Amino acid sequence: MPCAPVTTPVAPSSASSSRVAVDIVLTSEHPLSVRYSLSPHRRGAGDPTHRVDTDGSIWRTARFPTGPVTYRIRQAGRTEVTCEAWGPGAAEFLDSLPGLVGLEDDASGFEPEHRLLAEAHRRFPHLRIGRTGRVMEALVPAILEQKVHGIAAFASWRYLLSTFGEPAPGPAPRGMRVPPPSEVWRRIPSWEFHRANVDPKRSKTIVRSAQLADKLEQITTMGREDAERRLRVVPGVGAWTAAEVMQRALGDTDALSVGDYHLASVIGWTLTGAPMDDEAMVEYLAPLRPHRYRAVRLLEVSGTAVRPKFGPRTQVTDHRLH
């Protein structure tokens, strides 16, 4: 996708190498939105890896092979993004920035016939599907969110990051943490997962994933079918979890979260006026390939998704009582 990155070093703000900032400016021929590209990566309001300033700029942390990084992204204009990064992984992160903000996303060929989708696509041309390229950082929270209420999953993520993550490098907002490396995830004791309100099935899946982390990180260079197949080699990682990871780490515009507790019903009520199950949803959205996830995101950001207030609710379960 057309973009013109300009990199400008910034003088160190202290003697600490973690406070050496590097600036980059990205411009695009097409509109984009940092807020929409990055919001799927936020795991609840208290996510230690994600903060939003009052001016709208977004702070995030990540871990790259070269080390941890803190970065601050700001929307400088309809087609321009500025970013500062701190930490040993800063240079490697900046190489991935165009993909993160959606400059590598290609919406050509997406021409939905449904009135609501067509209108949402017209109103939100700046919605771009970004990719982090970091598989474990998408996989662990997705596993935590399996079959539990989001409130409980987000609390587990906060506990594990505050206990086993490391402080964010640079001038990050207070309390921000960097996700631990795979060697730390695979050594977390079972009682710490218990304290985090994570049941044995999910904790074992996290540990197994960490043991295979090197092979799982390779899916960023694979086609979508091979990537999904590689992810699902891990016992406990099914279609829903694989899709959630591929959406975020790979920027897969077609990864549909089959098995989600609410998605099929939301799609059904929104687009047909009646509930659907997963099988009906997959069949109904088939003509939108390879943009099914894009369609779901458009319904979310446009505010047109219908969420019925009746029916079953996911219970908040406290596994620490067991």
Protein backbone atom coordinates (compact mmCIF):
# COMPACT_ATOMS: atom_id res chain seq x y z
CA MET A 1 0.00 0.00 0.00
CA PRO A 2 1.31 3.53 -0.72
CA CYS A 3 3.03 5.10 2.24
CA ALA A 4 5.98 7.42 2.73
CA PRO A 5 7.70 6.80 6.06
CA VAL A 6 10.06 9.47 7.35
CA THR A 7 12.28 8.57 10.30
CA THR A 8 13.69 11.29 12.52
CA PRO A 9 15.88 10.46 15.55
CA VAL A 10 15.14 12.39 18.72
CA ALA A 11 17.84 13.37 21.17
CA PRO A 12 18.01 11.12 24.27
CA SER A 13 15.96 12.49 27.14
CA SER A 14 18.18 10.86 29.77
CA ALA A 15 21.22 8.64 30.11
CA SER A 16 19.03 5.54 30.08
CA SER A 17 18.91 3.81 26.69
CA SER A 18 15.28 2.94 27.37
CA ARG A 19 14.47 6.64 27.11
CA VAL A 20 16.07 7.15 23.71
CA ALA A 21 13.13 7.89 21.45
CA VAL A 22 12.87 7.42 17.72
CA ASP A 23 10.21 9.28 15.78
CA ILE A 24 8.57 8.15 12.59
CA VAL A 25 5.92 9.77 10.41
CA LEU A 26 3.76 7.66 8.12
CA THR A 27 1.62 9.09 5.37
CA SER A 28 -0.90 7.26 3.23
CA GLU A 29 -2.75 7.97 0.01
CA HIS A 30 -5.90 6.69 1.71
CA PRO A 31 -7.58 7.68 5.00
CA LEU A 32 -6.83 5.64 8.11
CA SER A 33 -7.74 5.60 11.79
CA VAL A 34 -5.26 4.67 14.49
CA ARG A 35 -8.10 4.26 16.98
CA TYR A 36 -9.96 1.72 14.86
CA SER A 37 -6.80 -0.16 13.86
CA LEU A 38 -5.55 -0.53 17.43
CA SER A 39 -8.76 -0.98 19.44
CA PRO A 40 -9.04 -4.76 18.82
CA HIS A 41 -5.72 -5.21 20.65
CA ARG A 42 -6.98 -3.64 23.87
CA ARG A 43 -8.00 -6.20 26.52
CA GLY A 44 -10.35 -4.22 28.71
CA ALA A 45 -10.17 -0.72 30.15
CA GLY A 46 -7.32 -1.61 32.52
CA ASP A 47 -5.08 -3.41 30.02
CA PRO A 48 -1.48 -2.85 31.23
CA THR A 49 -0.25 -2.92 27.61
CA HIS A 50 -2.62 -0.21 26.34
CA ARG A 51 -3.37 3.35 27.45
CA VAL A 52 -5.21 6.20 25.74
CA ASP A 53 -4.22 9.81 26.50
CA THR A 54 -6.73 12.62 26.80
CA ASP A 55 -5.39 13.98 23.49
CA GLY A 56 -6.28 10.69 21.78
CA SER A 57 -2.75 9.40 21.40
CA ILE A 58 -2.32 5.71 22.18
CA TRP A 59 0.45 4.15 24.28
CA ARG A 60 1.19 0.45 23.85
CA THR A 61 3.88 -2.06 24.73
CA ALA A 62 5.13 -5.13 22.89
CA ARG A 63 7.95 -7.63 22.88
CA PHE A 64 10.07 -8.28 19.82
CA PRO A 65 13.04 -10.66 19.39
CA THR A 66 15.32 -7.66 19.96
CA GLY A 67 13.57 -6.78 23.22
CA PRO A 68 10.67 -4.86 24.78
CA VAL A 69 9.30 -1.63 23.36
CA THR A 70 6.94 1.14 24.42
CA TYR A 71 5.39 3.18 21.66
CA ARG A 72 3.10 6.17 21.43
CA ILE A 73 1.01 6.65 18.29
CA ARG A 74 -0.86 9.81 17.41
CA GLN A 75 -3.24 10.56 14.55
CA ALA A 76 -1.70 13.67 13.00
CA GLY A 77 -4.19 13.97 10.17
CA ARG A 78 -6.66 11.98 8.10
CA THR A 79 -3.80 10.30 6.23
CA GLU A 80 -0.88 10.84 8.64
CA VAL A 81 0.36 9.05 11.75
CA THR A 82 3.26 9.92 14.05
CA CYS A 83 4.92 7.47 16.41
CA GLU A 84 7.59 7.53 19.11
CA ALA A 85 9.18 4.33 20.39
CA TRP A 86 11.46 3.50 23.31
CA GLY A 87 13.35 0.39 24.34
CA PRO A 88 15.63 -2.27 22.83
CA GLY A 89 12.90 -3.42 20.44
CA ALA A 90 12.10 0.06 19.12
CA ALA A 91 13.83 -0.20 15.74
CA GLU A 92 12.31 -3.61 15.03
CA PHE A 93 8.88 -2.36 16.04
CA LEU A 94 9.08 0.65 13.74
CA ASP A 95 9.65 -1.69 10.79
CA SER A 96 6.25 -3.24 11.61
CA LEU A 97 4.42 0.07 12.10
CA PRO A 98 2.89 0.32 8.60
CA GLY A 99 1.24 -3.06 9.07
CA LEU A 100 0.06 -2.19 12.57
CA VAL A 101 -1.86 0.92 11.52
CA GLY A 102 -3.34 -0.80 8.47
CA LEU A 103 -1.27 0.59 5.61
CA GLU A 104 -0.84 -2.97 4.32
CA ASP A 105 -4.58 -3.64 4.37
CA ASP A 106 -6.24 -3.87 0.97
CA ALA A 107 -10.01 -3.43 0.87
CA SER A 108 -10.26 -3.61 -2.91
CA GLY A 109 -12.87 -6.10 -4.02
CA PHE A 110 -14.99 -5.55 -0.94
CA GLU A 111 -18.36 -4.53 -2.39
CA PRO A 112 -21.08 -5.70 0.01
CA GLU A 113 -24.63 -5.79 -1.28
CA HIS A 114 -26.39 -5.53 2.07
CA ARG A 115 -27.55 -1.98 2.68
CA LEU A 116 -26.12 -1.71 6.21
CA LEU A 117 -22.69 -3.01 5.22
CA ALA A 118 -22.52 -0.89 2.08
CA GLU A 119 -23.43 2.22 4.06
CA ALA A 120 -20.93 1.42 6.83
CA HIS A 121 -18.19 0.88 4.24
CA ARG A 122 -19.02 4.25 2.68
CA ARG A 123 -19.03 6.05 6.04
CA PHE A 124 -15.85 4.43 7.39
CA PRO A 125 -13.31 4.31 4.55
CA HIS A 126 -10.65 4.88 7.21
CA LEU A 127 -11.30 1.52 8.89
CA ARG A 128 -8.15 -0.50 8.26
CA ILE A 129 -7.33 -3.97 9.57
CA GLY A 130 -3.92 -3.81 11.23
CA ARG A 131 -1.48 -6.56 12.15
CA THR A 132 0.99 -6.75 15.04
CA GLY A 133 3.06 -9.68 13.77
CA ARG A 134 3.30 -10.87 17.41
CA VAL A 135 1.56 -14.24 17.78
CA MET A 136 1.98 -15.06 21.47
CA GLU A 137 0.82 -11.58 22.47
CA ALA A 138 -2.46 -12.27 20.69
CA LEU A 139 -2.70 -15.94 21.61
CA VAL A 140 -2.37 -15.77 25.42
CA PRO A 141 -5.22 -13.27 25.98
CA ALA A 142 -7.36 -15.14 23.43
CA ILE A 143 -6.90 -18.33 25.47
CA LEU A 144 -7.80 -16.44 28.64
CA GLU A 145 -11.04 -15.34 26.96
CA GLN A 146 -12.14 -18.88 26.05
CA LYS A 147 -15.64 -19.62 27.36
CA VAL A 148 -15.52 -17.05 30.18
CA HIS A 149 -16.96 -13.58 30.66
CA GLY A 150 -14.75 -10.80 29.32
CA ILE A 151 -14.64 -9.16 32.75
CA ALA A 152 -12.98 -12.26 34.24
CA ALA A 153 -10.60 -12.70 31.30
CA PHE A 154 -9.45 -9.08 31.42
CA ALA A 155 -8.85 -9.34 35.18
CA SER A 156 -6.74 -12.48 34.63
CA TRP A 157 -4.70 -10.69 31.96
CA ARG A 158 -4.07 -7.75 34.31
CA TYR A 159 -2.96 -10.02 37.14
CA LEU A 160 -0.60 -12.07 35.00
CA LEU A 161 0.94 -8.99 33.38
CA SER A 162 1.38 -7.16 36.68
CA THR A 163 2.98 -10.26 38.23
CA PHE A 164 5.11 -11.63 35.38
CA GLY A 165 5.45 -8.76 32.91
CA GLU A 166 8.20 -6.18 33.15
CA PRO A 167 7.90 -2.41 33.49
CA ALA A 168 7.48 -0.64 30.17
CA PRO A 169 10.65 1.09 28.92
CA GLY A 170 10.74 4.81 28.35
CA PRO A 171 8.33 7.46 29.70
CA ALA A 172 5.32 5.17 29.65
CA PRO A 173 2.24 5.96 31.74
CA ARG A 174 2.40 4.56 35.24
CA GLY A 175 1.53 0.88 35.55
CA MET A 176 2.19 -0.14 31.97
CA ARG A 177 3.81 -3.55 31.52
CA VAL A 178 5.42 -5.51 28.70
CA PRO A 179 4.07 -9.04 28.10
CA PRO A 180 6.51 -11.68 29.33
CA PRO A 181 8.51 -13.80 26.87
CA SER A 182 7.48 -17.37 26.10
CA GLU A 183 10.08 -18.83 28.47
CA VAL A 184 8.34 -17.02 31.35
CA TRP A 185 4.83 -18.08 30.27
CA ARG A 186 5.83 -21.74 30.24
CA ARG A 187 7.31 -21.54 33.76
CA ILE A 188 4.38 -19.85 35.52
CA PRO A 189 3.35 -22.14 38.41
CA SER A 190 -0.13 -23.64 38.43
CA TRP A 191 -0.99 -21.83 41.68
CA GLU A 192 -0.27 -18.46 40.05
CA PHE A 193 -2.70 -19.27 37.26
CA HIS A 194 -5.17 -20.24 40.00
CA ARG A 195 -4.66 -16.86 41.69
CA ALA A 196 -5.30 -15.25 38.31
CA ASN A 197 -8.65 -17.09 38.13
CA VAL A 198 -7.50 -19.25 35.21
CA ASP A 199 -8.75 -22.85 35.26
CA PRO A 200 -6.34 -25.77 34.57
CA LYS A 201 -7.56 -26.30 30.99
CA ARG A 202 -6.74 -22.76 29.89
CA SER A 203 -3.50 -22.58 31.87
CA LYS A 204 -2.28 -25.81 30.27
CA THR A 205 -3.11 -24.43 26.84
CA ILE A 206 -1.04 -21.31 27.57
CA VAL A 207 1.92 -23.38 28.75
CA ARG A 208 1.70 -25.69 25.70
CA SER A 209 1.55 -22.66 23.42
CA ALA A 210 4.62 -21.16 25.09
CA GLN A 211 6.50 -24.41 24.59
CA LEU A 212 5.75 -24.19 20.86
CA ALA A 213 6.17 -20.42 20.63
CA ASP A 214 8.99 -20.45 18.08
CA LYS A 215 6.92 -22.51 15.64
CA LEU A 216 3.77 -20.51 16.31
CA GLU A 217 5.49 -17.18 15.62
CA GLN A 218 6.31 -18.52 12.15
CA ILE A 219 2.67 -18.29 11.06
CA THR A 220 3.20 -14.62 10.18
CA THR A 221 4.98 -15.84 7.02
CA MET A 222 2.34 -18.43 6.10
CA GLY A 223 -0.86 -18.41 4.11
CA ARG A 224 -4.06 -18.31 6.15
CA GLU A 225 -4.91 -22.02 5.86
CA ASP A 226 -1.43 -23.13 6.90
CA ALA A 227 -1.39 -20.55 9.69
CA GLU A 228 -4.69 -21.77 11.10
CA ARG A 229 -3.56 -25.38 10.83
CA ARG A 230 -0.34 -24.58 12.73
CA LEU A 231 -2.22 -22.79 15.51
CA ARG A 232 -4.70 -25.62 15.94
CA VAL A 233 -1.91 -28.13 16.49
CA VAL A 234 -1.87 -26.85 20.07
CA PRO A 235 -4.37 -28.83 22.20
CA GLY A 236 -6.97 -26.37 23.45
CA VAL A 237 -6.69 -23.99 20.48
CA GLY A 238 -9.79 -24.31 18.32
CA ALA A 239 -11.38 -22.39 15.47
CA TRP A 240 -12.46 -19.41 17.61
CA THR A 241 -9.06 -18.91 19.26
CA ALA A 242 -7.20 -19.31 15.96
CA ALA A 243 -9.43 -16.71 14.30
CA GLU A 244 -8.93 -14.22 17.15
CA VAL A 245 -5.16 -14.57 16.81
CA MET A 246 -5.14 -14.33 13.02
CA GLN A 247 -7.24 -11.17 13.11
CA ARG A 248 -4.73 -9.41 15.35
CA ALA A 249 -1.32 -10.91 14.60
CA LEU A 250 -1.82 -11.42 10.85
CA GLY A 251 -4.41 -8.77 10.02
CA ASP A 252 -6.52 -11.51 8.43
CA THR A 253 -9.55 -9.76 6.96
CA ASP A 254 -11.44 -13.04 6.56
CA ALA A 255 -10.88 -14.64 9.99
CA LEU A 256 -14.39 -15.21 11.31
CA SER A 257 -14.73 -15.99 15.03
CA VAL A 258 -16.89 -19.09 14.67
CA GLY A 259 -17.88 -20.32 18.11
CA ASP A 260 -18.20 -16.87 19.64
CA TYR A 261 -20.86 -16.71 22.34
CA HIS A 262 -22.74 -13.81 20.71
CA LEU A 263 -21.43 -13.19 17.19
CA ALA A 264 -23.77 -15.41 15.16
CA SER A 265 -26.81 -13.98 16.95
CA VAL A 266 -25.60 -10.41 16.43
CA ILE A 267 -24.96 -11.00 12.73
CA GLY A 268 -28.36 -12.63 12.34
CA TRP A 269 -30.36 -9.92 14.09
CA THR A 270 -28.41 -7.11 12.40
CA LEU A 271 -28.46 -8.33 8.81
CA THR A 272 -31.61 -10.48 8.65
CA GLY A 273 -33.74 -9.50 11.64
CA ALA A 274 -33.59 -12.99 13.12
CA PRO A 275 -31.06 -14.98 15.18
CA MET A 276 -28.54 -17.31 13.54
CA ASP A 277 -26.35 -20.15 14.68
CA ASP A 278 -22.72 -20.53 13.59
CA GLU A 279 -23.53 -22.73 10.61
CA ALA A 280 -26.09 -20.26 9.26
CA MET A 281 -23.71 -17.33 9.85
CA VAL A 282 -20.90 -19.01 7.91
CA GLU A 283 -23.23 -19.73 5.01
CA TYR A 284 -24.73 -16.23 5.01
CA LEU A 285 -21.35 -14.46 5.05
CA ALA A 286 -19.70 -16.74 2.48
CA PRO A 287 -20.20 -14.27 -0.42
CA LEU A 288 -18.11 -11.72 1.50
CA ARG A 289 -14.91 -13.82 1.43
CA PRO A 290 -12.11 -12.77 1.91
CA HIS A 291 -13.54 -9.87 3.92
CA ARG A 292 -15.81 -11.49 6.52
CA TYR A 293 -13.89 -10.08 9.48
CA ARG A 294 -13.86 -6.67 7.81
CA ALA A 295 -17.66 -6.86 7.63
CA VAL A 296 -17.88 -7.67 11.34
CA ARG A 297 -15.59 -4.75 12.22
CA LEU A 298 -17.65 -2.38 10.10
CA LEU A 299 -20.79 -3.34 11.98
CA GLU A 300 -18.95 -2.76 15.27
CA VAL A 301 -17.43 0.63 14.53
CA SER A 302 -20.50 1.97 12.73
CA GLY A 303 -22.70 1.22 15.73
CA THR A 304 -25.22 -0.66 13.59
CA ALA A 305 -24.69 -4.06 15.20
CA VAL A 306 -27.86 -5.20 16.98
CA ARG A 307 -27.21 -6.81 20.35
CA PRO A 308 -30.42 -8.32 21.73
CA LYS A 309 -30.93 -7.78 25.46
CA PHE A 310 -32.57 -11.15 25.95
CA GLY A 311 -31.19 -14.66 25.92
CA PRO A 312 -28.39 -16.33 27.90
CA ARG A 313 -25.52 -14.36 29.40
CA THR A 314 -21.97 -15.53 30.01
CA GLN A 315 -21.55 -16.07 33.74
CA VAL A 316 -18.58 -14.62 35.61
CA THR A 317 -16.98 -17.68 37.20
CA ASP A 318 -14.41 -17.45 39.97
CA HIS A 319 -12.18 -20.50 39.61
CA ARG A 320 -10.19 -19.46 42.67
CA LEU A 321 -13.02 -20.85 44.81
CA HIS A 322 -12.57 -24.36 43.40
